[in-house]
PDB file of N, CA and C in Angstrom:
ATOM      1  N   MET A   1      13.973  -7.594 -26.832  1.00  0.00           N
ATOM      2  CA  MET A   1      13.483  -6.266 -26.506  1.00  0.00           C
ATOM      3  C   MET A   1      12.203  -6.400 -25.694  1.00  0.00           C
ATOM      4  N   GLY A   2      12.036  -5.553 -24.669  1.00  0.00           N
ATOM      5  CA  GLY A   2      10.870  -5.600 -23.816  1.00  0.00           C
ATOM      6  C   GLY A   2       9.651  -4.990 -24.485  1.00  0.00           C
ATOM      7  N   ALA A   3       8.563  -4.966 -23.743  1.00  0.00           N
ATOM      8  CA  ALA A   3       7.328  -4.393 -24.272  1.00  0.00           C
ATOM      9  C   ALA A   3       7.495  -2.898 -24.519  1.00  0.00           C
ATOM     10  N   LYS A   4       6.808  -2.427 -25.539  1.00  0.00           N
ATOM     11  CA  LYS A   4       6.861  -0.998 -25.837  1.00  0.00           C
ATOM     12  C   LYS A   4       6.083  -0.225 -24.792  1.00  0.00           C
ATOM     13  N   ARG A   5       6.583   0.949 -24.487  1.00  0.00           N
ATOM     14  CA  ARG A   5       5.868   1.878 -23.618  1.00  0.00           C
ATOM     15  C   ARG A   5       4.948   2.701 -24.508  1.00  0.00           C
ATOM     16  N   THR A   6       3.912   3.301 -23.932  1.00  0.00           N
ATOM     17  CA  THR A   6       2.934   4.060 -24.712  1.00  0.00           C
ATOM     18  C   THR A   6       2.952   5.526 -24.307  1.00  0.00           C
ATOM     19  N   ALA A   7       3.010   6.376 -25.318  1.00  0.00           N
ATOM     20  CA  ALA A   7       2.942   7.827 -25.122  1.00  0.00           C
ATOM     21  C   ALA A   7       1.827   8.376 -25.994  1.00  0.00           C
ATOM     22  N   MET A   8       1.247   9.484 -25.568  1.00  0.00           N
ATOM     23  CA  MET A   8       0.253  10.178 -26.386  1.00  0.00           C
ATOM     24  C   MET A   8       0.654  11.628 -26.532  1.00  0.00           C
ATOM     25  N   LEU A   9       0.548  12.126 -27.758  1.00  0.00           N
ATOM     26  CA  LEU A   9       0.727  13.543 -28.037  1.00  0.00           C
ATOM     27  C   LEU A   9      -0.658  14.137 -28.156  1.00  0.00           C
ATOM     28  N   LEU A  10      -0.970  15.115 -27.327  1.00  0.00           N
ATOM     29  CA  LEU A  10      -2.271  15.762 -27.393  1.00  0.00           C
ATOM     30  C   LEU A  10      -2.104  17.063 -28.163  1.00  0.00           C
ATOM     31  N   GLU A  11      -2.831  17.183 -29.275  1.00  0.00           N
ATOM     32  CA  GLU A  11      -2.747  18.338 -30.151  1.00  0.00           C
ATOM     33  C   GLU A  11      -3.953  19.234 -29.935  1.00  0.00           C
ATOM     34  N   PRO A  12      -3.863  20.518 -30.343  1.00  0.00           N
ATOM     35  CA  PRO A  12      -4.970  21.434 -30.100  1.00  0.00           C
ATOM     36  C   PRO A  12      -6.200  21.191 -30.958  1.00  0.00           C
ATOM     37  N   GLY A  13      -6.055  20.548 -32.085  1.00  0.00           N
ATOM     38  CA  GLY A  13      -7.209  20.275 -32.941  1.00  0.00           C
ATOM     39  C   GLY A  13      -6.950  19.054 -33.780  1.00  0.00           C
ATOM     40  N   ARG A  14      -7.983  18.281 -34.014  1.00  0.00           N
ATOM     41  CA  ARG A  14      -7.832  17.040 -34.771  1.00  0.00           C
ATOM     42  C   ARG A  14      -7.178  17.310 -36.118  1.00  0.00           C
ATOM     43  N   GLY A  15      -6.130  16.553 -36.400  1.00  0.00           N
ATOM     44  CA  GLY A  15      -5.460  16.653 -37.695  1.00  0.00           C
ATOM     45  C   GLY A  15      -4.295  17.620 -37.752  1.00  0.00           C
ATOM     46  N   MET A  16      -4.084  18.416 -36.710  1.00  0.00           N
ATOM     47  CA  MET A  16      -3.005  19.404 -36.756  1.00  0.00           C
ATOM     48  C   MET A  16      -1.635  18.744 -36.828  1.00  0.00           C
ATOM     49  N   LEU A  17      -1.497  17.569 -36.222  1.00  0.00           N
ATOM     50  CA  LEU A  17      -0.207  16.887 -36.242  1.00  0.00           C
ATOM     51  C   LEU A  17      -0.110  15.849 -37.353  1.00  0.00           C
ATOM     52  N   ASP A  18      -1.112  15.787 -38.227  1.00  0.00           N
ATOM     53  CA  ASP A  18      -1.083  14.797 -39.303  1.00  0.00           C
ATOM     54  C   ASP A  18       0.215  14.804 -40.100  1.00  0.00           C
ATOM     55  N   PRO A  19       0.749  15.972 -40.496  1.00  0.00           N
ATOM     56  CA  PRO A  19       1.991  15.948 -41.260  1.00  0.00           C
ATOM     57  C   PRO A  19       3.162  15.338 -40.479  1.00  0.00           C
ATOM     58  N   MET A  20       3.067  15.347 -39.166  1.00  0.00           N
ATOM     59  CA  MET A  20       4.155  14.876 -38.328  1.00  0.00           C
ATOM     60  C   MET A  20       3.988  13.407 -37.925  1.00  0.00           C
ATOM     61  N   ARG A  21       2.792  12.867 -38.056  1.00  0.00           N
ATOM     62  CA  ARG A  21       2.505  11.514 -37.546  1.00  0.00           C
ATOM     63  C   ARG A  21       3.494  10.478 -38.048  1.00  0.00           C
ATOM     64  N   ALA A  22       3.801  10.508 -39.331  1.00  0.00           N
ATOM     65  CA  ALA A  22       4.703   9.499 -39.896  1.00  0.00           C
ATOM     66  C   ALA A  22       6.104   9.603 -39.321  1.00  0.00           C
ATOM     67  N   ARG A  23       6.473  10.780 -38.825  1.00  0.00           N
ATOM     68  CA  ARG A  23       7.810  10.982 -38.286  1.00  0.00           C
ATOM     69  C   ARG A  23       7.910  10.619 -36.814  1.00  0.00           C
ATOM     70  N   VAL A  24       6.781  10.410 -36.173  1.00  0.00           N
ATOM     71  CA  VAL A  24       6.799  10.116 -34.744  1.00  0.00           C
ATOM     72  C   VAL A  24       6.947   8.608 -34.542  1.00  0.00           C
ATOM     73  N   GLU A  25       8.152   8.136 -34.799  1.00  0.00           N
ATOM     74  CA  GLU A  25       8.485   6.738 -34.583  1.00  0.00           C
ATOM     75  C   GLU A  25       9.698   6.717 -33.664  1.00  0.00           C
ATOM     76  N   VAL A  26       9.464   6.352 -32.429  1.00  0.00           N
ATOM     77  CA  VAL A  26      10.525   6.344 -31.429  1.00  0.00           C
ATOM     78  C   VAL A  26      10.749   4.905 -30.988  1.00  0.00           C
ATOM     79  N   PRO A  27      11.973   4.395 -31.124  1.00  0.00           N
ATOM     80  CA  PRO A  27      12.237   3.008 -30.723  1.00  0.00           C
ATOM     81  C   PRO A  27      11.794   2.746 -29.283  1.00  0.00           C
ATOM     82  N   GLY A  28      11.080   1.649 -29.102  1.00  0.00           N
ATOM     83  CA  GLY A  28      10.631   1.266 -27.768  1.00  0.00           C
ATOM     84  C   GLY A  28       9.340   1.937 -27.327  1.00  0.00           C
ATOM     85  N   TRP A  29       8.759   2.776 -28.198  1.00  0.00           N
ATOM     86  CA  TRP A  29       7.548   3.511 -27.841  1.00  0.00           C
ATOM     87  C   TRP A  29       6.451   3.294 -28.874  1.00  0.00           C
ATOM     88  N   HIS A  30       5.235   3.129 -28.393  1.00  0.00           N
ATOM     89  CA  HIS A  30       4.038   3.203 -29.230  1.00  0.00           C
ATOM     90  C   HIS A  30       3.507   4.610 -28.992  1.00  0.00           C
ATOM     91  N   VAL A  31       3.505   5.434 -30.031  1.00  0.00           N
ATOM     92  CA  VAL A  31       3.101   6.838 -29.879  1.00  0.00           C
ATOM     93  C   VAL A  31       1.743   7.044 -30.540  1.00  0.00           C
ATOM     94  N   ARG A  32       0.794   7.507 -29.742  1.00  0.00           N
ATOM     95  CA  ARG A  32      -0.559   7.826 -30.217  1.00  0.00           C
ATOM     96  C   ARG A  32      -0.689   9.335 -30.309  1.00  0.00           C
ATOM     97  N   VAL A  33      -1.632   9.786 -31.123  1.00  0.00           N
ATOM     98  CA  VAL A  33      -1.929  11.214 -31.235  1.00  0.00           C
ATOM     99  C   VAL A  33      -3.413  11.395 -30.957  1.00  0.00           C
ATOM    100  N   GLY A  34      -3.743  12.398 -30.153  1.00  0.00           N
ATOM    101  CA  GLY A  34      -5.139  12.682 -29.841  1.00  0.00           C
ATOM    102  C   GLY A  34      -5.371  14.175 -29.764  1.00  0.00           C
ATOM    103  N   SER A  35      -6.651  14.545 -29.635  1.00  0.00           N
ATOM    104  CA  SER A  35      -6.970  15.970 -29.579  1.00  0.00           C
ATOM    105  C   SER A  35      -8.042  16.309 -28.542  1.00  0.00           C
ATOM    106  N   SER A  36      -8.409  15.325 -27.712  1.00  0.00           N
ATOM    107  CA  SER A  36      -9.477  15.588 -26.746  1.00  0.00           C
ATOM    108  C   SER A  36      -9.245  14.803 -25.449  1.00  0.00           C
ATOM    109  N   VAL A  37     -10.000  15.201 -24.440  1.00  0.00           N
ATOM    110  CA  VAL A  37      -9.965  14.480 -23.168  1.00  0.00           C
ATOM    111  C   VAL A  37     -10.422  13.042 -23.391  1.00  0.00           C
ATOM    112  N   GLN A  38     -11.416  12.848 -24.259  1.00  0.00           N
ATOM    113  CA  GLN A  38     -11.905  11.496 -24.553  1.00  0.00           C
ATOM    114  C   GLN A  38     -10.812  10.638 -25.188  1.00  0.00           C
ATOM    115  N   ASP A  39      -9.993  11.240 -26.061  1.00  0.00           N
ATOM    116  CA  ASP A  39      -8.880  10.496 -26.659  1.00  0.00           C
ATOM    117  C   ASP A  39      -7.910  10.016 -25.581  1.00  0.00           C
ATOM    118  N   VAL A  40      -7.656  10.860 -24.589  1.00  0.00           N
ATOM    119  CA  VAL A  40      -6.759  10.483 -23.489  1.00  0.00           C
ATOM    120  C   VAL A  40      -7.386   9.352 -22.676  1.00  0.00           C
ATOM    121  N   ALA A  41      -8.687   9.474 -22.370  1.00  0.00           N
ATOM    122  CA  ALA A  41      -9.383   8.428 -21.611  1.00  0.00           C
ATOM    123  C   ALA A  41      -9.349   7.109 -22.373  1.00  0.00           C
ATOM    124  N   ASP A  42      -9.601   7.159 -23.680  1.00  0.00           N
ATOM    125  CA  ASP A  42      -9.576   5.940 -24.495  1.00  0.00           C
ATOM    126  C   ASP A  42      -8.191   5.296 -24.470  1.00  0.00           C
ATOM    127  N   ALA A  43      -7.147   6.110 -24.579  1.00  0.00           N
ATOM    128  CA  ALA A  43      -5.777   5.588 -24.563  1.00  0.00           C
ATOM    129  C   ALA A  43      -5.465   4.929 -23.222  1.00  0.00           C
ATOM    130  N   LEU A  44      -5.906   5.547 -22.125  1.00  0.00           N
ATOM    131  CA  LEU A  44      -5.677   4.965 -20.804  1.00  0.00           C
ATOM    132  C   LEU A  44      -6.350   3.600 -20.689  1.00  0.00           C
ATOM    133  N   ILE A  45      -7.564   3.501 -21.212  1.00  0.00           N
ATOM    134  CA  ILE A  45      -8.325   2.253 -21.120  1.00  0.00           C
ATOM    135  C   ILE A  45      -7.756   1.193 -22.068  1.00  0.00           C
ATOM    136  N   GLU A  46      -7.431   1.594 -23.312  1.00  0.00           N
ATOM    137  CA  GLU A  46      -7.002   0.631 -24.323  1.00  0.00           C
ATOM    138  C   GLU A  46      -5.566   0.156 -24.134  1.00  0.00           C
ATOM    139  N   ASP A  47      -4.651   1.080 -23.932  1.00  0.00           N
ATOM    140  CA  ASP A  47      -3.221   0.735 -23.895  1.00  0.00           C
ATOM    141  C   ASP A  47      -2.572   1.006 -22.552  1.00  0.00           C
ATOM    142  N   GLY A  48      -3.180   1.850 -21.747  1.00  0.00           N
ATOM    143  CA  GLY A  48      -2.478   2.435 -20.622  1.00  0.00           C
ATOM    144  C   GLY A  48      -1.554   3.493 -21.199  1.00  0.00           C
ATOM    145  N   LEU A  49      -1.164   4.463 -20.439  1.00  0.00           N
ATOM    146  CA  LEU A  49      -0.256   5.504 -20.918  1.00  0.00           C
ATOM    147  C   LEU A  49       0.897   5.638 -19.948  1.00  0.00           C
ATOM    148  N   ASP A  50       2.094   5.623 -20.481  1.00  0.00           N
ATOM    149  CA  ASP A  50       3.266   5.904 -19.658  1.00  0.00           C
ATOM    150  C   ASP A  50       3.539   7.398 -19.625  1.00  0.00           C
ATOM    151  N   VAL A  51       3.260   8.063 -20.772  1.00  0.00           N
ATOM    152  CA  VAL A  51       3.552   9.487 -20.901  1.00  0.00           C
ATOM    153  C   VAL A  51       2.439  10.162 -21.693  1.00  0.00           C
ATOM    154  N   LEU A  52       1.972  11.306 -21.202  1.00  0.00           N
ATOM    155  CA  LEU A  52       1.071  12.183 -21.948  1.00  0.00           C
ATOM    156  C   LEU A  52       1.817  13.479 -22.200  1.00  0.00           C
ATOM    157  N   ILE A  53       1.960  13.850 -23.472  1.00  0.00           N
ATOM    158  CA  ILE A  53       2.607  15.101 -23.847  1.00  0.00           C
ATOM    159  C   ILE A  53       1.513  16.020 -24.380  1.00  0.00           C
ATOM    160  N   ILE A  54       1.267  17.109 -23.669  1.00  0.00           N
ATOM    161  CA  ILE A  54       0.247  18.065 -24.088  1.00  0.00           C
ATOM    162  C   ILE A  54       0.957  19.205 -24.806  1.00  0.00           C
ATOM    163  N   GLY A  55       0.687  19.297 -26.106  1.00  0.00           N
ATOM    164  CA  GLY A  55       1.386  20.246 -26.954  1.00  0.00           C
ATOM    165  C   GLY A  55       0.901  21.670 -26.803  1.00  0.00           C
ATOM    166  N   PRO A  56       1.647  22.599 -27.411  1.00  0.00           N
ATOM    167  CA  PRO A  56       1.264  24.013 -27.355  1.00  0.00           C
ATOM    168  C   PRO A  56      -0.054  24.227 -28.088  1.00  0.00           C
ATOM    169  N   GLY A  57      -0.816  25.180 -27.610  1.00  0.00           N
ATOM    170  CA  GLY A  57      -2.082  25.505 -28.264  1.00  0.00           C
ATOM    171  C   GLY A  57      -3.277  24.777 -27.703  1.00  0.00           C
ATOM    172  N   VAL A  58      -3.056  23.755 -26.881  1.00  0.00           N
ATOM    173  CA  VAL A  58      -4.176  23.053 -26.257  1.00  0.00           C
ATOM    174  C   VAL A  58      -4.747  23.979 -25.192  1.00  0.00           C
ATOM    175  N   GLU A  59      -6.050  24.179 -25.242  1.00  0.00           N
ATOM    176  CA  GLU A  59      -6.716  25.097 -24.321  1.00  0.00           C
ATOM    177  C   GLU A  59      -6.475  24.705 -22.861  1.00  0.00           C
ATOM    178  N   LEU A  60      -6.400  25.704 -21.996  1.00  0.00           N
ATOM    179  CA  LEU A  60      -6.115  25.484 -20.579  1.00  0.00           C
ATOM    180  C   LEU A  60      -7.124  24.539 -19.938  1.00  0.00           C
ATOM    181  N   ASP A  61      -8.416  24.705 -20.239  1.00  0.00           N
ATOM    182  CA  ASP A  61      -9.405  23.837 -19.613  1.00  0.00           C
ATOM    183  C   ASP A  61      -9.226  22.377 -20.037  1.00  0.00           C
ATOM    184  N   VAL A  62      -8.799  22.135 -21.265  1.00  0.00           N
ATOM    185  CA  VAL A  62      -8.533  20.766 -21.722  1.00  0.00           C
ATOM    186  C   VAL A  62      -7.307  20.212 -21.007  1.00  0.00           C
ATOM    187  N   ARG A  63      -6.272  21.050 -20.849  1.00  0.00           N
ATOM    188  CA  ARG A  63      -5.074  20.628 -20.120  1.00  0.00           C
ATOM    189  C   ARG A  63      -5.424  20.193 -18.699  1.00  0.00           C
ATOM    190  N   VAL A  64      -6.218  21.016 -18.023  1.00  0.00           N
ATOM    191  CA  VAL A  64      -6.600  20.732 -16.635  1.00  0.00           C
ATOM    192  C   VAL A  64      -7.430  19.447 -16.564  1.00  0.00           C
ATOM    193  N   GLN A  65      -8.388  19.284 -17.486  1.00  0.00           N
ATOM    194  CA  GLN A  65      -9.206  18.072 -17.491  1.00  0.00           C
ATOM    195  C   GLN A  65      -8.345  16.825 -17.712  1.00  0.00           C
ATOM    196  N   CYS A  66      -7.369  16.922 -18.592  1.00  0.00           N
ATOM    197  CA  CYS A  66      -6.486  15.774 -18.856  1.00  0.00           C
ATOM    198  C   CYS A  66      -5.646  15.431 -17.635  1.00  0.00           C
ATOM    199  N   VAL A  67      -5.108  16.445 -16.976  1.00  0.00           N
ATOM    200  CA  VAL A  67      -4.307  16.197 -15.769  1.00  0.00           C
ATOM    201  C   VAL A  67      -5.179  15.568 -14.686  1.00  0.00           C
ATOM    202  N   LYS A  68      -6.403  16.073 -14.488  1.00  0.00           N
ATOM    203  CA  LYS A  68      -7.316  15.482 -13.504  1.00  0.00           C
ATOM    204  C   LYS A  68      -7.609  14.021 -13.843  1.00  0.00           C
ATOM    205  N   LEU A  69      -7.844  13.752 -15.131  1.00  0.00           N
ATOM    206  CA  LEU A  69      -8.124  12.392 -15.570  1.00  0.00           C
ATOM    207  C   LEU A  69      -6.951  11.467 -15.265  1.00  0.00           C
ATOM    208  N   ILE A  70      -5.752  11.907 -15.594  1.00  0.00           N
ATOM    209  CA  ILE A  70      -4.558  11.098 -15.329  1.00  0.00           C
ATOM    210  C   ILE A  70      -4.411  10.850 -13.831  1.00  0.00           C
ATOM    211  N   PHE A  71      -4.565  11.884 -13.017  1.00  0.00           N
ATOM    212  CA  PHE A  71      -4.413  11.725 -11.576  1.00  0.00           C
ATOM    213  C   PHE A  71      -5.482  10.807 -10.989  1.00  0.00           C
ATOM    214  N   THR A  72      -6.650  10.774 -11.627  1.00  0.00           N
ATOM    215  CA  THR A  72      -7.745   9.932 -11.144  1.00  0.00           C
ATOM    216  C   THR A  72      -7.586   8.476 -11.564  1.00  0.00           C
ATOM    217  N   LEU A  73      -7.153   8.246 -12.807  1.00  0.00           N
ATOM    218  CA  LEU A  73      -7.155   6.894 -13.359  1.00  0.00           C
ATOM    219  C   LEU A  73      -5.801   6.196 -13.393  1.00  0.00           C
ATOM    220  N   SER A  74      -4.715   6.939 -13.175  1.00  0.00           N
ATOM    221  CA  SER A  74      -3.405   6.321 -13.322  1.00  0.00           C
ATOM    222  C   SER A  74      -2.460   6.769 -12.221  1.00  0.00           C
ATOM    223  N   ARG A  75      -1.647   5.831 -11.786  1.00  0.00           N
ATOM    224  CA  ARG A  75      -0.609   6.160 -10.803  1.00  0.00           C
ATOM    225  C   ARG A  75       0.761   6.202 -11.455  1.00  0.00           C
ATOM    226  N   ASN A  76       0.824   5.848 -12.752  1.00  0.00           N
ATOM    227  CA  ASN A  76       2.114   5.674 -13.401  1.00  0.00           C
ATOM    228  C   ASN A  76       2.329   6.553 -14.634  1.00  0.00           C
ATOM    229  N   THR A  77       1.421   7.442 -14.945  1.00  0.00           N
ATOM    230  CA  THR A  77       1.532   8.251 -16.159  1.00  0.00           C
ATOM    231  C   THR A  77       2.186   9.582 -15.856  1.00  0.00           C
ATOM    232  N   ALA A  78       3.250   9.887 -16.595  1.00  0.00           N
ATOM    233  CA  ALA A  78       3.897  11.198 -16.493  1.00  0.00           C
ATOM    234  C   ALA A  78       3.215  12.154 -17.469  1.00  0.00           C
ATOM    235  N   VAL A  79       3.017  13.398 -17.040  1.00  0.00           N
ATOM    236  CA  VAL A  79       2.392  14.408 -17.896  1.00  0.00           C
ATOM    237  C   VAL A  79       3.415  15.500 -18.163  1.00  0.00           C
ATOM    238  N   HIS A  80       3.590  15.836 -19.439  1.00  0.00           N
ATOM    239  CA  HIS A  80       4.505  16.892 -19.852  1.00  0.00           C
ATOM    240  C   HIS A  80       3.707  17.936 -20.623  1.00  0.00           C
ATOM    241  N   LEU A  81       3.896  19.201 -20.273  1.00  0.00           N
ATOM    242  CA  LEU A  81       3.178  20.306 -20.908  1.00  0.00           C
ATOM    243  C   LEU A  81       4.150  21.179 -21.687  1.00  0.00           C
ATOM    244  N   SER A  82       3.809  21.448 -22.924  1.00  0.00           N
ATOM    245  CA  SER A  82       4.597  22.366 -23.739  1.00  0.00           C
ATOM    246  C   SER A  82       3.777  23.625 -23.922  1.00  0.00           C
ATOM    247  N   ASP A  83       4.376  24.770 -23.654  1.00  0.00           N
ATOM    248  CA  ASP A  83       3.631  26.025 -23.795  1.00  0.00           C
ATOM    249  C   ASP A  83       4.189  26.923 -24.887  1.00  0.00           C
ATOM    250  N   LEU A  84       5.263  26.506 -25.525  1.00  0.00           N
ATOM    251  CA  LEU A  84       5.860  27.317 -26.579  1.00  0.00           C
ATOM    252  C   LEU A  84       5.737  26.594 -27.908  1.00  0.00           C
ATOM    253  N   SER A  85       5.260  27.309 -28.902  1.00  0.00           N
ATOM    254  CA  SER A  85       5.121  26.700 -30.214  1.00  0.00           C
ATOM    255  C   SER A  85       6.347  26.989 -31.056  1.00  0.00           C
ATOM    256  N   GLY A  86       6.952  25.944 -31.552  1.00  0.00           N
ATOM    257  CA  GLY A  86       8.062  26.077 -32.482  1.00  0.00           C
ATOM    258  C   GLY A  86       7.722  25.376 -33.775  1.00  0.00           C
ATOM    259  N   GLY A  87       6.411  25.263 -34.057  1.00  0.00           N
ATOM    260  CA  GLY A  87       5.985  24.530 -35.230  1.00  0.00           C
ATOM    261  C   GLY A  87       6.239  23.049 -35.045  1.00  0.00           C
ATOM    262  N   SER A  88       6.158  22.302 -36.130  1.00  0.00           N
ATOM    263  CA  SER A  88       6.330  20.853 -36.016  1.00  0.00           C
ATOM    264  C   SER A  88       7.747  20.493 -35.595  1.00  0.00           C
ATOM    265  N   GLU A  89       8.740  21.273 -36.004  1.00  0.00           N
ATOM    266  CA  GLU A  89      10.122  20.977 -35.603  1.00  0.00           C
ATOM    267  C   GLU A  89      10.305  21.172 -34.102  1.00  0.00           C
ATOM    268  N   GLY A  90       9.700  22.217 -33.550  1.00  0.00           N
ATOM    269  CA  GLY A  90       9.775  22.444 -32.110  1.00  0.00           C
ATOM    270  C   GLY A  90       9.070  21.346 -31.338  1.00  0.00           C
ATOM    271  N   THR A  91       7.937  20.909 -31.861  1.00  0.00           N
ATOM    272  CA  THR A  91       7.205  19.819 -31.229  1.00  0.00           C
ATOM    273  C   THR A  91       8.018  18.533 -31.277  1.00  0.00           C
ATOM    274  N   MET A  92       8.641  18.262 -32.415  1.00  0.00           N
ATOM    275  CA  MET A  92       9.467  17.056 -32.546  1.00  0.00           C
ATOM    276  C   MET A  92      10.628  17.070 -31.547  1.00  0.00           C
ATOM    277  N   ALA A  93      11.268  18.219 -31.398  1.00  0.00           N
ATOM    278  CA  ALA A  93      12.385  18.330 -30.452  1.00  0.00           C
ATOM    279  C   ALA A  93      11.895  18.097 -29.023  1.00  0.00           C
ATOM    280  N   PHE A  94      10.722  18.630 -28.687  1.00  0.00           N
ATOM    281  CA  PHE A  94      10.159  18.444 -27.351  1.00  0.00           C
ATOM    282  C   PHE A  94       9.857  16.967 -27.103  1.00  0.00           C
ATOM    283  N   VAL A  95       9.240  16.301 -28.085  1.00  0.00           N
ATOM    284  CA  VAL A  95       8.936  14.871 -27.964  1.00  0.00           C
ATOM    285  C   VAL A  95      10.229  14.083 -27.772  1.00  0.00           C
ATOM    286  N   GLN A  96      11.243  14.427 -28.519  1.00  0.00           N
ATOM    287  CA  GLN A  96      12.529  13.732 -28.415  1.00  0.00           C
ATOM    288  C   GLN A  96      13.106  13.878 -27.011  1.00  0.00           C
ATOM    289  N   ARG A  97      13.064  15.082 -26.470  1.00  0.00           N
ATOM    290  CA  ARG A  97      13.598  15.300 -25.113  1.00  0.00           C
ATOM    291  C   ARG A  97      12.791  14.504 -24.077  1.00  0.00           C
ATOM    292  N   VAL A  98      11.472  14.519 -24.217  1.00  0.00           N
ATOM    293  CA  VAL A  98      10.626  13.844 -23.238  1.00  0.00           C
ATOM    294  C   VAL A  98      10.816  12.325 -23.295  1.00  0.00           C
ATOM    295  N   LEU A  99      10.825  11.768 -24.498  1.00  0.00           N
ATOM    296  CA  LEU A  99      10.911  10.315 -24.630  1.00  0.00           C
ATOM    297  C   LEU A  99      12.343   9.807 -24.594  1.00  0.00           C
ATOM    298  N   GLY A 100      13.294  10.735 -24.669  1.00  0.00           N
ATOM    299  CA  GLY A 100      14.698  10.356 -24.514  1.00  0.00           C
ATOM    300  C   GLY A 100      15.265   9.545 -25.648  1.00  0.00           C
ATOM    301  N   GLU A 101      14.670   9.622 -26.803  1.00  0.00           N
ATOM    302  CA  GLU A 101      15.137   8.872 -27.961  1.00  0.00           C
ATOM    303  C   GLU A 101      15.081   9.778 -29.182  1.00  0.00           C
ATOM    304  N   PRO A 102      15.954   9.532 -30.149  1.00  0.00           N
ATOM    305  CA  PRO A 102      15.834  10.272 -31.396  1.00  0.00           C
ATOM    306  C   PRO A 102      14.511   9.950 -32.069  1.00  0.00           C
ATOM    307  N   VAL A 103      13.877  10.956 -32.632  1.00  0.00           N
ATOM    308  CA  VAL A 103      12.634  10.770 -33.368  1.00  0.00           C
ATOM    309  C   VAL A 103      12.990  10.597 -34.824  1.00  0.00           C
ATOM    310  N   ALA A 104      12.390   9.631 -35.490  1.00  0.00           N
ATOM    311  CA  ALA A 104      12.705   9.355 -36.900  1.00  0.00           C
ATOM    312  C   ALA A 104      12.525  10.611 -37.733  1.00  0.00           C
ATOM    313  N   ALA A 105      13.456  10.848 -38.655  1.00  0.00           N
ATOM    314  CA  ALA A 105      13.384  12.035 -39.522  1.00  0.00           C
ATOM    315  C   ALA A 105      12.579  11.774 -40.750  1.00  0.00           C
TER     316      ALA A 105
END
């Protein structure tokens, strides 16, 4: 098996995705969770990011700052924005579609 790709889920507030963290295990992916522009910058520096998923509820100014950061520091990171909240199940389904793999139940 090749190296794992890295994705980050950006949540609107620290700890909001805590109940879901244990379920975010996608084969072939290292999935990080963050809640700030600094978390995204740290992930880019530490692991590099293949995918940034910005979840529902993240403020518009944070979304824009994250997109600017990605465009400035990375040529290979895909950014996905979710604007509809379906609770943790909706978020899990969105992550599954984006990463193209079943998410552990």
